[in-house]
Amino acid sequence: MENKQNKNRCRKVTIRFTDAEFSMLDGRFRATTKRKLSEYLRAHLLEKKIAVLTRDASLDALVAELIQVRRELNAIGQNFNQAVKRLHAMEHFVELKAWVLVNEKSKELLFQKVGEIQVKIDQIAARW
């Protein structure tokens, strides 16, 4: 627990920066988890640990691809749901056989997309 003296800060220090210096300082501050600039400066000056946020930009392309694959899977899922609804409405074996033949292509497409997802997951796992 902090000392009462530490909670009541009564000393003030004023420092001036050029625009370039402040811009650099502000950029470093925004990359941390600190909420206030004064909190960041105090931690830095008192040599306390500062948590810095990092972003792995190499995953941006992968995430974009996964978003596209998710959209395609959603479309395939919707088509599959419609096909199953038609299947439940069929009354004759001939209709059932025709349905199976028509939806064989959808099944192959689904398996292909699942394979693509597996490859992407393997790529992510290899990076980490």
C-alpha atoms as a PDB file:
ATOM      1  CA  MET A   1       0.000   0.000   0.000  1.00  0.00           C
ATOM      2  CA  GLU A   2       1.277   3.455  -0.824  1.00  0.00           C
ATOM      3  CA  ASN A   3       2.332   5.879   1.829  1.00  0.00           C
ATOM      4  CA  LYS A   4      -0.026   8.802   2.583  1.00  0.00           C
ATOM      5  CA  GLN A   5       2.761  11.202   1.623  1.00  0.00           C
ATOM      6  CA  ASN A   6       2.911   9.654  -1.893  1.00  0.00           C
ATOM      7  CA  LYS A   7      -0.820  10.127  -2.413  1.00  0.00           C
ATOM      8  CA  ASN A   8      -0.728  13.841  -1.632  1.00  0.00           C
ATOM      9  CA  ARG A   9       1.638  15.203  -4.216  1.00  0.00           C
ATOM     10  CA  CYS A  10       2.461  18.765  -3.324  1.00  0.00           C
ATOM     11  CA  ARG A  11       5.581  19.458  -5.395  1.00  0.00           C
ATOM     12  CA  LYS A  12       5.237  20.798  -8.919  1.00  0.00           C
ATOM     13  CA  VAL A  13       7.852  20.756 -11.676  1.00  0.00           C
ATOM     14  CA  THR A  14       7.402  22.704 -14.888  1.00  0.00           C
ATOM     15  CA  ILE A  15       9.298  21.772 -18.013  1.00  0.00           C
ATOM     16  CA  ARG A  16       9.091  23.150 -21.531  1.00  0.00           C
ATOM     17  CA  PHE A  17       9.453  21.196 -24.781  1.00  0.00           C
ATOM     18  CA  THR A  18       9.800  22.161 -28.403  1.00  0.00           C
ATOM     19  CA  ASP A  19       6.995  21.000 -30.697  1.00  0.00           C
ATOM     20  CA  ALA A  20       9.204  18.218 -32.035  1.00  0.00           C
ATOM     21  CA  GLU A  21      10.220  17.064 -28.546  1.00  0.00           C
ATOM     22  CA  PHE A  22       6.650  17.082 -27.312  1.00  0.00           C
ATOM     23  CA  SER A  23       5.460  15.242 -30.408  1.00  0.00           C
ATOM     24  CA  MET A  24       8.044  12.513 -29.807  1.00  0.00           C
ATOM     25  CA  LEU A  25       7.150  12.358 -26.092  1.00  0.00           C
ATOM     26  CA  ASP A  26       3.432  12.222 -26.858  1.00  0.00           C
ATOM     27  CA  GLY A  27       3.975   9.395 -29.358  1.00  0.00           C
ATOM     28  CA  ARG A  28       5.830   7.353 -26.749  1.00  0.00           C
ATOM     29  CA  PHE A  29       3.144   8.094 -24.160  1.00  0.00           C
ATOM     30  CA  ARG A  30       0.322   6.995 -26.490  1.00  0.00           C
ATOM     31  CA  ALA A  31       2.079   3.669 -27.051  1.00  0.00           C
ATOM     32  CA  THR A  32       1.789   2.834 -23.345  1.00  0.00           C
ATOM     33  CA  THR A  33      -1.050   1.741 -21.104  1.00  0.00           C
ATOM     34  CA  LYS A  34      -0.805   4.913 -18.993  1.00  0.00           C
ATOM     35  CA  ARG A  35      -3.910   7.087 -19.056  1.00  0.00           C
ATOM     36  CA  LYS A  36      -2.307  10.431 -18.259  1.00  0.00           C
ATOM     37  CA  LEU A  37       0.861  12.054 -19.526  1.00  0.00           C
ATOM     38  CA  SER A  38       1.812  13.034 -15.977  1.00  0.00           C
ATOM     39  CA  GLU A  39       1.462   9.405 -14.879  1.00  0.00           C
ATOM     40  CA  TYR A  40       3.737   8.318 -17.755  1.00  0.00           C
ATOM     41  CA  LEU A  41       6.342  10.996 -17.022  1.00  0.00           C
ATOM     42  CA  ARG A  42       6.348  10.195 -13.304  1.00  0.00           C
ATOM     43  CA  ALA A  43       6.835   6.481 -13.997  1.00  0.00           C
ATOM     44  CA  HIS A  44       9.603   7.195 -16.504  1.00  0.00           C
ATOM     45  CA  LEU A  45      11.450   9.649 -14.269  1.00  0.00           C
ATOM     46  CA  LEU A  46      11.175   7.399 -11.214  1.00  0.00           C
ATOM     47  CA  GLU A  47      12.369   4.439 -13.283  1.00  0.00           C
ATOM     48  CA  LYS A  48       9.241   2.358 -12.772  1.00  0.00           C
ATOM     49  CA  LYS A  49       8.081  -0.267 -15.209  1.00  0.00           C
ATOM     50  CA  ILE A  50       5.990   1.001 -18.118  1.00  0.00           C
ATOM     51  CA  ALA A  51       3.817  -1.366 -20.113  1.00  0.00           C
ATOM     52  CA  VAL A  52       4.010  -0.656 -23.838  1.00  0.00           C
ATOM     53  CA  LEU A  53       1.328  -1.722 -26.285  1.00  0.00           C
ATOM     54  CA  THR A  54       2.651  -3.514 -29.345  1.00  0.00           C
ATOM     55  CA  ARG A  55       0.845  -4.492 -32.516  1.00  0.00           C
ATOM     56  CA  ASP A  56       1.953  -7.246 -34.836  1.00  0.00           C
ATOM     57  CA  ALA A  57       1.360  -5.707 -38.258  1.00  0.00           C
ATOM     58  CA  SER A  58       2.402  -8.944 -39.975  1.00  0.00           C
ATOM     59  CA  LEU A  59      -0.962 -10.440 -39.030  1.00  0.00           C
ATOM     60  CA  ASP A  60      -2.966  -7.727 -40.838  1.00  0.00           C
ATOM     61  CA  ALA A  61      -2.938  -9.560 -44.172  1.00  0.00           C
ATOM     62  CA  LEU A  62      -3.793 -12.821 -42.467  1.00  0.00           C
ATOM     63  CA  VAL A  63      -6.720 -11.278 -40.603  1.00  0.00           C
ATOM     64  CA  ALA A  64      -8.027  -9.765 -43.848  1.00  0.00           C
ATOM     65  CA  GLU A  65      -7.887 -13.200 -45.498  1.00  0.00           C
ATOM     66  CA  LEU A  66      -9.620 -14.846 -42.544  1.00  0.00           C
ATOM     67  CA  ILE A  67     -12.396 -12.234 -42.713  1.00  0.00           C
ATOM     68  CA  GLN A  68     -12.926 -13.094 -46.389  1.00  0.00           C
ATOM     69  CA  VAL A  69     -12.950 -16.833 -45.620  1.00  0.00           C
ATOM     70  CA  ARG A  70     -15.488 -16.214 -42.824  1.00  0.00           C
ATOM     71  CA  ARG A  71     -17.785 -14.395 -45.281  1.00  0.00           C
ATOM     72  CA  GLU A  72     -17.513 -17.258 -47.753  1.00  0.00           C
ATOM     73  CA  LEU A  73     -18.222 -19.809 -45.017  1.00  0.00           C
ATOM     74  CA  ASN A  74     -21.272 -17.825 -43.936  1.00  0.00           C
ATOM     75  CA  ALA A  75     -22.580 -17.875 -47.511  1.00  0.00           C
ATOM     76  CA  ILE A  76     -21.945 -21.618 -47.779  1.00  0.00           C
ATOM     77  CA  GLY A  77     -23.690 -22.162 -44.444  1.00  0.00           C
ATOM     78  CA  GLN A  78     -26.727 -20.218 -45.612  1.00  0.00           C
ATOM     79  CA  ASN A  79     -26.872 -22.257 -48.825  1.00  0.00           C
ATOM     80  CA  PHE A  80     -26.587 -25.446 -46.796  1.00  0.00           C
ATOM     81  CA  ASN A  81     -29.429 -24.394 -44.491  1.00  0.00           C
ATOM     82  CA  GLN A  82     -31.641 -23.650 -47.490  1.00  0.00           C
ATOM     83  CA  ALA A  83     -30.787 -27.030 -48.997  1.00  0.00           C
ATOM     84  CA  VAL A  84     -31.654 -28.848 -45.763  1.00  0.00           C
ATOM     85  CA  LYS A  85     -34.998 -27.025 -45.610  1.00  0.00           C
ATOM     86  CA  ARG A  86     -35.721 -28.246 -49.158  1.00  0.00           C
ATOM     87  CA  LEU A  87     -34.673 -31.764 -48.145  1.00  0.00           C
ATOM     88  CA  HIS A  88     -37.187 -31.790 -45.308  1.00  0.00           C
ATOM     89  CA  ALA A  89     -39.925 -30.687 -47.720  1.00  0.00           C
ATOM     90  CA  MET A  90     -39.279 -33.560 -50.176  1.00  0.00           C
ATOM     91  CA  GLU A  91     -41.704 -36.443 -50.276  1.00  0.00           C
ATOM     92  CA  HIS A  92     -40.271 -38.827 -52.877  1.00  0.00           C
ATOM     93  CA  PHE A  93     -37.040 -40.791 -53.150  1.00  0.00           C
ATOM     94  CA  VAL A  94     -36.400 -39.462 -56.670  1.00  0.00           C
ATOM     95  CA  GLU A  95     -36.362 -35.902 -55.333  1.00  0.00           C
ATOM     96  CA  LEU A  96     -33.984 -36.951 -52.569  1.00  0.00           C
ATOM     97  CA  LYS A  97     -31.569 -38.537 -55.058  1.00  0.00           C
ATOM     98  CA  ALA A  98     -31.613 -35.383 -57.219  1.00  0.00           C
ATOM     99  CA  TRP A  99     -30.978 -33.227 -54.140  1.00  0.00           C
ATOM    100  CA  VAL A 100     -27.935 -35.283 -53.171  1.00  0.00           C
ATOM    101  CA  LEU A 101     -26.458 -34.929 -56.658  1.00  0.00           C
ATOM    102  CA  VAL A 102     -27.053 -31.175 -56.795  1.00  0.00           C
ATOM    103  CA  ASN A 103     -25.562 -30.540 -53.357  1.00  0.00           C
ATOM    104  CA  GLU A 104     -22.462 -32.669 -53.869  1.00  0.00           C
ATOM    105  CA  LYS A 105     -20.712 -29.578 -55.301  1.00  0.00           C
ATOM    106  CA  SER A 106     -21.632 -27.554 -52.204  1.00  0.00           C
ATOM    107  CA  LYS A 107     -20.151 -30.262 -49.996  1.00  0.00           C
ATOM    108  CA  GLU A 108     -16.886 -30.206 -51.958  1.00  0.00           C
ATOM    109  CA  LEU A 109     -16.756 -26.406 -51.687  1.00  0.00           C
ATOM    110  CA  LEU A 110     -17.337 -26.609 -47.941  1.00  0.00           C
ATOM    111  CA  PHE A 111     -14.516 -29.121 -47.490  1.00  0.00           C
ATOM    112  CA  GLN A 112     -12.218 -26.952 -49.613  1.00  0.00           C
ATOM    113  CA  LYS A 113     -12.917 -23.882 -47.440  1.00  0.00           C
ATOM    114  CA  VAL A 114     -12.392 -25.873 -44.255  1.00  0.00           C
ATOM    115  CA  GLY A 115      -9.055 -27.011 -45.696  1.00  0.00           C
ATOM    116  CA  GLU A 116      -8.096 -23.389 -46.401  1.00  0.00           C
ATOM    117  CA  ILE A 117      -8.940 -22.457 -42.830  1.00  0.00           C
ATOM    118  CA  GLN A 118      -6.782 -25.315 -41.556  1.00  0.00           C
ATOM    119  CA  VAL A 119      -3.846 -24.076 -43.664  1.00  0.00           C
ATOM    120  CA  LYS A 120      -4.264 -20.526 -42.301  1.00  0.00           C
ATOM    121  CA  ILE A 121      -4.420 -21.799 -38.731  1.00  0.00           C
ATOM    122  CA  ASP A 122      -1.259 -23.835 -39.339  1.00  0.00           C
ATOM    123  CA  GLN A 123       0.467 -20.687 -40.668  1.00  0.00           C
ATOM    124  CA  ILE A 124      -0.533 -18.729 -37.560  1.00  0.00           C
ATOM    125  CA  ALA A 125       0.646 -21.550 -35.299  1.00  0.00           C
ATOM    126  CA  ALA A 126       4.006 -21.662 -37.070  1.00  0.00           C
ATOM    127  CA  ARG A 127       4.519 -17.911 -36.471  1.00  0.00           C
ATOM    128  CA  TRP A 128       3.737 -18.155 -32.777  1.00  0.00           C
END
